[in-house]
């Protein structure tokens, strides 16, 4: 389950648009419409030991980890929600509160390092992916200062190569690109790459991938087969 906390939310133009936890950012492109980049966080199972935990007012000692890269969500793994609100699956309140506070900072003063976050990874904790661990600690401290009720000790820091802001700008360069294959969706992948969906032929074309990466200025682009989005206005009843 994915819960979005960023205030710059826009509605995707797919009738059945779903958000995976691939970097917490999802975008949809409709024919004649601009790309819609969304920032948020996802809920997922614990797949690795926590990295670089942050304690209130100070950085707690963490066991050395050879790999601090942003976690990859396994879509086949069990995603049982840790909490229910009126019978509806939801993230834990503690993780959700910290996520909102972090998202506010990641959308503001720390946009240069914020990549993405995953709520309840594991339950009650927030995996925060940033491009710089030292600045990431300051981000968590700022989130706690803005909301003292958000527990910074629940944050675990991971490294990403690119910030969400950088990947968003790279994805926007692909909007309206005149290419041999259509671009259905654009999203950012856990601070590592821009993800694009297209036709099966486009996904198999090395030339198409190379052209996309040239357009993004060298930022990696992962190209996969996807479904053409359905424009939202095509699903609404005609005005009387």
Protein backbone atom coordinates (compact mmCIF):
# COMPACT_ATOMS: atom_id res chain seq x y z
CA UNK A 1 0.00 0.00 0.00
CA UNK A 2 1.28 3.43 -0.84
CA UNK A 3 0.51 6.55 1.13
CA UNK A 4 1.42 9.92 -0.34
CA UNK A 5 2.55 12.70 1.95
CA UNK A 6 3.87 15.37 -0.40
CA UNK A 7 1.58 18.37 -0.79
CA UNK A 8 2.31 18.76 -4.49
CA UNK A 9 0.01 15.92 -5.39
CA UNK A 10 -1.61 15.87 -8.80
CA UNK A 11 -4.13 13.35 -10.00
CA UNK A 12 -2.88 10.90 -12.61
CA UNK A 13 -4.77 10.81 -15.89
CA UNK A 14 -5.37 7.07 -15.80
CA UNK A 15 -8.69 5.69 -14.74
CA UNK A 16 -6.96 2.74 -13.14
CA UNK A 17 -3.74 4.48 -12.13
CA UNK A 18 -2.03 2.57 -9.34
CA UNK A 19 1.02 3.56 -7.37
CA UNK A 20 3.79 1.06 -6.64
CA UNK A 21 6.55 1.69 -4.18
CA UNK A 22 9.16 2.24 -6.85
CA UNK A 23 10.77 5.26 -5.36
CA UNK A 24 7.46 6.56 -4.20
CA UNK A 25 6.97 8.61 -7.33
CA UNK A 26 4.54 7.82 -10.07
CA UNK A 27 3.71 9.69 -13.24
CA UNK A 28 1.23 9.24 -16.03
CA UNK A 29 1.30 10.64 -19.53
CA UNK A 30 -1.83 10.91 -21.65
CA UNK A 31 -1.95 11.82 -25.29
CA UNK A 32 -1.70 15.59 -25.48
CA UNK A 33 -1.23 15.93 -21.72
CA UNK A 34 1.76 16.83 -19.60
CA UNK A 35 3.56 14.35 -17.40
CA UNK A 36 2.24 14.11 -13.85
CA UNK A 37 5.00 13.47 -11.32
CA UNK A 38 3.92 12.44 -7.86
CA UNK A 39 6.01 12.20 -4.74
CA UNK A 40 5.12 9.99 -1.85
CA UNK A 41 6.05 7.00 0.19
CA UNK A 42 5.16 3.36 0.26
CA UNK A 43 4.59 0.62 2.80
CA UNK A 44 6.61 -2.50 2.48
CA UNK A 45 8.16 -5.42 4.33
CA UNK A 46 11.53 -5.26 6.00
CA UNK A 47 14.02 -6.59 3.46
CA UNK A 48 17.25 -5.55 5.16
CA UNK A 49 18.65 -4.33 8.44
CA UNK A 50 17.96 -0.72 9.29
CA UNK A 51 20.65 1.72 8.18
CA UNK A 52 22.02 4.68 10.08
CA UNK A 53 19.15 5.18 12.59
CA UNK A 54 18.63 8.70 13.86
CA UNK A 55 17.97 9.41 17.55
CA UNK A 56 16.40 12.62 18.93
CA UNK A 57 19.03 15.36 19.09
CA UNK A 58 21.87 13.10 18.02
CA UNK A 59 22.87 10.42 15.57
CA UNK A 60 22.80 7.00 17.21
CA UNK A 61 25.56 4.50 16.53
CA UNK A 62 24.71 2.09 13.74
CA UNK A 63 26.24 -1.20 12.76
CA UNK A 64 28.40 -0.86 9.64
CA UNK A 65 26.55 -1.88 6.48
CA UNK A 66 28.28 -2.63 3.19
CA UNK A 67 25.13 -1.63 1.31
CA UNK A 68 23.17 1.47 2.23
CA UNK A 69 21.39 1.83 -1.10
CA UNK A 70 17.70 2.72 -1.12
CA UNK A 71 15.59 -0.44 -0.57
CA UNK A 72 13.92 -2.13 -3.52
CA UNK A 73 10.31 -3.10 -2.97
CA UNK A 74 9.46 -6.70 -3.86
CA UNK A 75 5.99 -6.71 -5.47
CA UNK A 76 5.65 -10.46 -4.80
CA UNK A 77 6.34 -10.17 -1.06
CA UNK A 78 3.58 -10.07 1.52
CA UNK A 79 2.37 -6.50 2.06
CA UNK A 80 0.06 -7.07 5.02
CA UNK A 81 -0.78 -3.67 6.49
CA UNK A 82 0.26 -3.14 10.11
CA UNK A 83 -2.76 -1.00 10.94
CA UNK A 84 -6.43 -0.63 10.09
CA UNK A 85 -8.56 2.52 10.20
CA UNK A 86 -12.27 1.70 10.11
CA UNK A 87 -11.34 -1.58 8.50
CA UNK A 88 -9.19 0.08 5.81
CA UNK A 89 -5.50 -0.88 5.54
CA UNK A 90 -3.25 2.00 6.55
CA UNK A 91 0.27 2.77 7.60
CA UNK A 92 1.12 2.90 11.29
CA UNK A 93 0.24 6.31 12.81
CA UNK A 94 3.81 6.76 14.08
CA UNK A 95 5.36 6.05 10.70
CA UNK A 96 2.79 8.17 8.90
CA UNK A 97 3.37 11.19 11.15
CA UNK A 98 7.13 11.06 10.70
CA UNK A 99 6.68 10.57 6.97
CA UNK A 100 4.55 13.71 6.68
CA UNK A 101 7.10 15.75 8.61
CA UNK A 102 9.94 14.41 6.46
CA UNK A 103 7.96 15.03 3.29
CA UNK A 104 7.46 18.69 4.19
CA UNK A 105 11.21 19.14 4.58
CA UNK A 106 11.98 17.10 1.46
CA UNK A 107 9.65 19.35 -0.49
CA UNK A 108 11.33 22.45 0.88
CA UNK A 109 14.77 23.22 2.28
CA UNK A 110 16.09 19.71 1.69
CA UNK A 111 14.83 19.16 -1.85
CA UNK A 112 18.45 19.00 -3.00
CA UNK A 113 19.01 15.69 -1.15
CA UNK A 114 15.56 14.12 -0.67
CA UNK A 115 14.93 11.15 -2.96
CA UNK A 116 12.03 9.14 -1.54
CA UNK A 117 10.75 7.39 1.57
CA UNK A 118 9.00 4.15 2.45
CA UNK A 119 6.62 4.08 5.40
CA UNK A 120 6.59 0.94 7.58
CA UNK A 121 9.83 -0.54 6.33
CA UNK A 122 9.60 -2.28 8.79
CA UNK A 123 6.36 -1.47 10.61
CA UNK A 124 6.54 1.77 12.57
CA UNK A 125 9.71 2.96 10.83
CA UNK A 126 10.46 5.11 7.80
CA UNK A 127 13.17 4.28 5.28
CA UNK A 128 14.43 7.65 4.08
CA UNK A 129 16.49 7.72 0.90
CA UNK A 130 18.75 10.74 0.42
CA UNK A 131 21.73 11.66 -1.71
CA UNK A 132 23.84 12.64 1.31
CA UNK A 133 23.65 10.97 4.73
CA UNK A 134 24.88 14.01 6.67
CA UNK A 135 22.26 16.25 5.09
CA UNK A 136 19.74 13.47 5.57
CA UNK A 137 20.33 13.57 9.32
CA UNK A 138 19.75 17.31 9.27
CA UNK A 139 16.55 16.72 7.31
CA UNK A 140 15.24 14.38 10.01
CA UNK A 141 16.24 16.84 12.74
CA UNK A 142 14.39 19.61 10.90
CA UNK A 143 11.33 17.37 10.57
CA UNK A 144 11.40 16.74 14.35
CA UNK A 145 11.85 20.46 15.04
CA UNK A 146 8.83 21.28 12.86
CA UNK A 147 6.74 18.53 14.46
CA UNK A 148 8.07 17.50 17.90
CA UNK A 149 5.56 14.65 17.93
CA UNK A 150 7.28 13.02 14.95
CA UNK A 151 9.80 10.57 16.39
CA UNK A 152 13.14 10.94 14.53
CA UNK A 153 14.41 7.68 16.07
CA UNK A 154 12.06 5.88 13.67
CA UNK A 155 13.97 7.08 10.59
CA UNK A 156 16.54 4.92 8.82
CA UNK A 157 18.80 6.56 6.24
CA UNK A 158 19.69 5.06 2.89
CA UNK A 159 21.60 6.43 -0.08
CA UNK A 160 20.22 7.31 -3.51
CA UNK A 161 22.21 8.64 -6.45
CA UNK A 162 19.71 11.31 -7.49
CA UNK A 163 17.25 13.50 -5.62
CA UNK A 164 13.58 13.42 -6.52
CA UNK A 165 13.88 16.99 -7.78
CA UNK A 166 16.62 15.98 -10.23
CA UNK A 167 14.67 12.95 -11.48
CA UNK A 168 11.50 15.01 -11.77
CA UNK A 169 13.28 17.57 -13.94
CA UNK A 170 14.74 14.77 -16.07
CA UNK A 171 11.32 13.16 -16.47
CA UNK A 172 9.75 16.44 -17.55
CA UNK A 173 12.22 16.59 -20.43
CA UNK A 174 10.57 13.47 -21.84
CA UNK A 175 7.11 15.03 -21.97
CA UNK A 176 6.01 15.57 -25.54
CA UNK A 177 9.18 14.01 -26.90
CA UNK A 178 8.74 13.16 -30.57
CA UNK A 179 10.10 9.65 -30.77
CA UNK A 180 9.52 6.44 -32.68
CA UNK A 181 7.63 4.95 -29.74
CA UNK A 182 5.03 6.50 -27.41
CA UNK A 183 5.73 7.23 -23.76
CA UNK A 184 2.89 6.02 -21.55
CA UNK A 185 4.16 6.76 -18.05
CA UNK A 186 7.17 8.35 -16.39
CA UNK A 187 8.25 7.77 -12.80
CA UNK A 188 11.33 8.03 -10.62
CA UNK A 189 12.87 4.85 -9.26
CA UNK A 190 14.13 5.22 -5.64
CA UNK A 191 16.53 7.97 -6.63
CA UNK A 192 18.31 5.74 -9.13
CA UNK A 193 16.70 6.32 -12.52
CA UNK A 194 13.75 7.59 -14.52
CA UNK A 195 11.32 4.81 -15.40
CA UNK A 196 9.35 4.89 -18.65
CA UNK A 197 6.66 2.56 -19.94
CA UNK A 198 5.94 2.21 -23.63
CA UNK A 199 5.00 -0.45 -26.18
CA UNK A 200 6.65 -3.87 -26.24
CA UNK A 201 8.62 -2.80 -29.30
CA UNK A 202 9.82 0.35 -27.56
CA UNK A 203 10.85 -1.57 -24.45
CA UNK A 204 13.01 -3.83 -26.63
CA UNK A 205 14.66 -0.97 -28.55
CA UNK A 206 18.18 -0.06 -27.44
CA UNK A 207 18.07 2.98 -29.73
CA UNK A 208 14.92 4.28 -28.03
CA UNK A 209 16.48 3.88 -24.58
CA UNK A 210 19.63 5.66 -25.74
CA UNK A 211 17.58 8.55 -27.11
CA UNK A 212 15.69 8.90 -23.84
CA UNK A 213 18.92 8.96 -21.81
CA UNK A 214 20.38 11.54 -24.16
CA UNK A 215 17.29 13.68 -23.57
CA UNK A 216 17.61 13.37 -19.78
CA UNK A 217 21.22 14.49 -19.98
CA UNK A 218 22.69 11.10 -19.16
CA UNK A 219 20.44 10.18 -16.24
CA UNK A 220 19.60 6.46 -16.55
CA UNK A 221 16.20 5.54 -17.99
CA UNK A 222 14.62 2.13 -17.40
CA UNK A 223 12.20 1.27 -20.20
CA UNK A 224 9.50 -1.37 -19.76
CA UNK A 225 6.31 -2.42 -21.51
CA UNK A 226 3.17 -0.74 -20.21
CA UNK A 227 -0.45 0.02 -21.02
CA UNK A 228 -1.61 3.18 -22.71
CA UNK A 229 -3.31 5.46 -20.14
CA UNK A 230 -6.98 6.27 -20.55
CA UNK A 231 -7.63 10.05 -20.44
CA UNK A 232 -9.73 10.94 -17.41
CA UNK A 233 -12.13 13.07 -19.46
CA UNK A 234 -12.92 10.00 -21.55
CA UNK A 235 -14.48 8.35 -18.51
CA UNK A 236 -16.63 11.24 -17.33
CA UNK A 237 -20.25 11.56 -18.49
CA UNK A 238 -20.90 14.20 -21.10
CA UNK A 239 -22.20 17.49 -19.83
CA UNK A 240 -25.99 17.91 -20.33
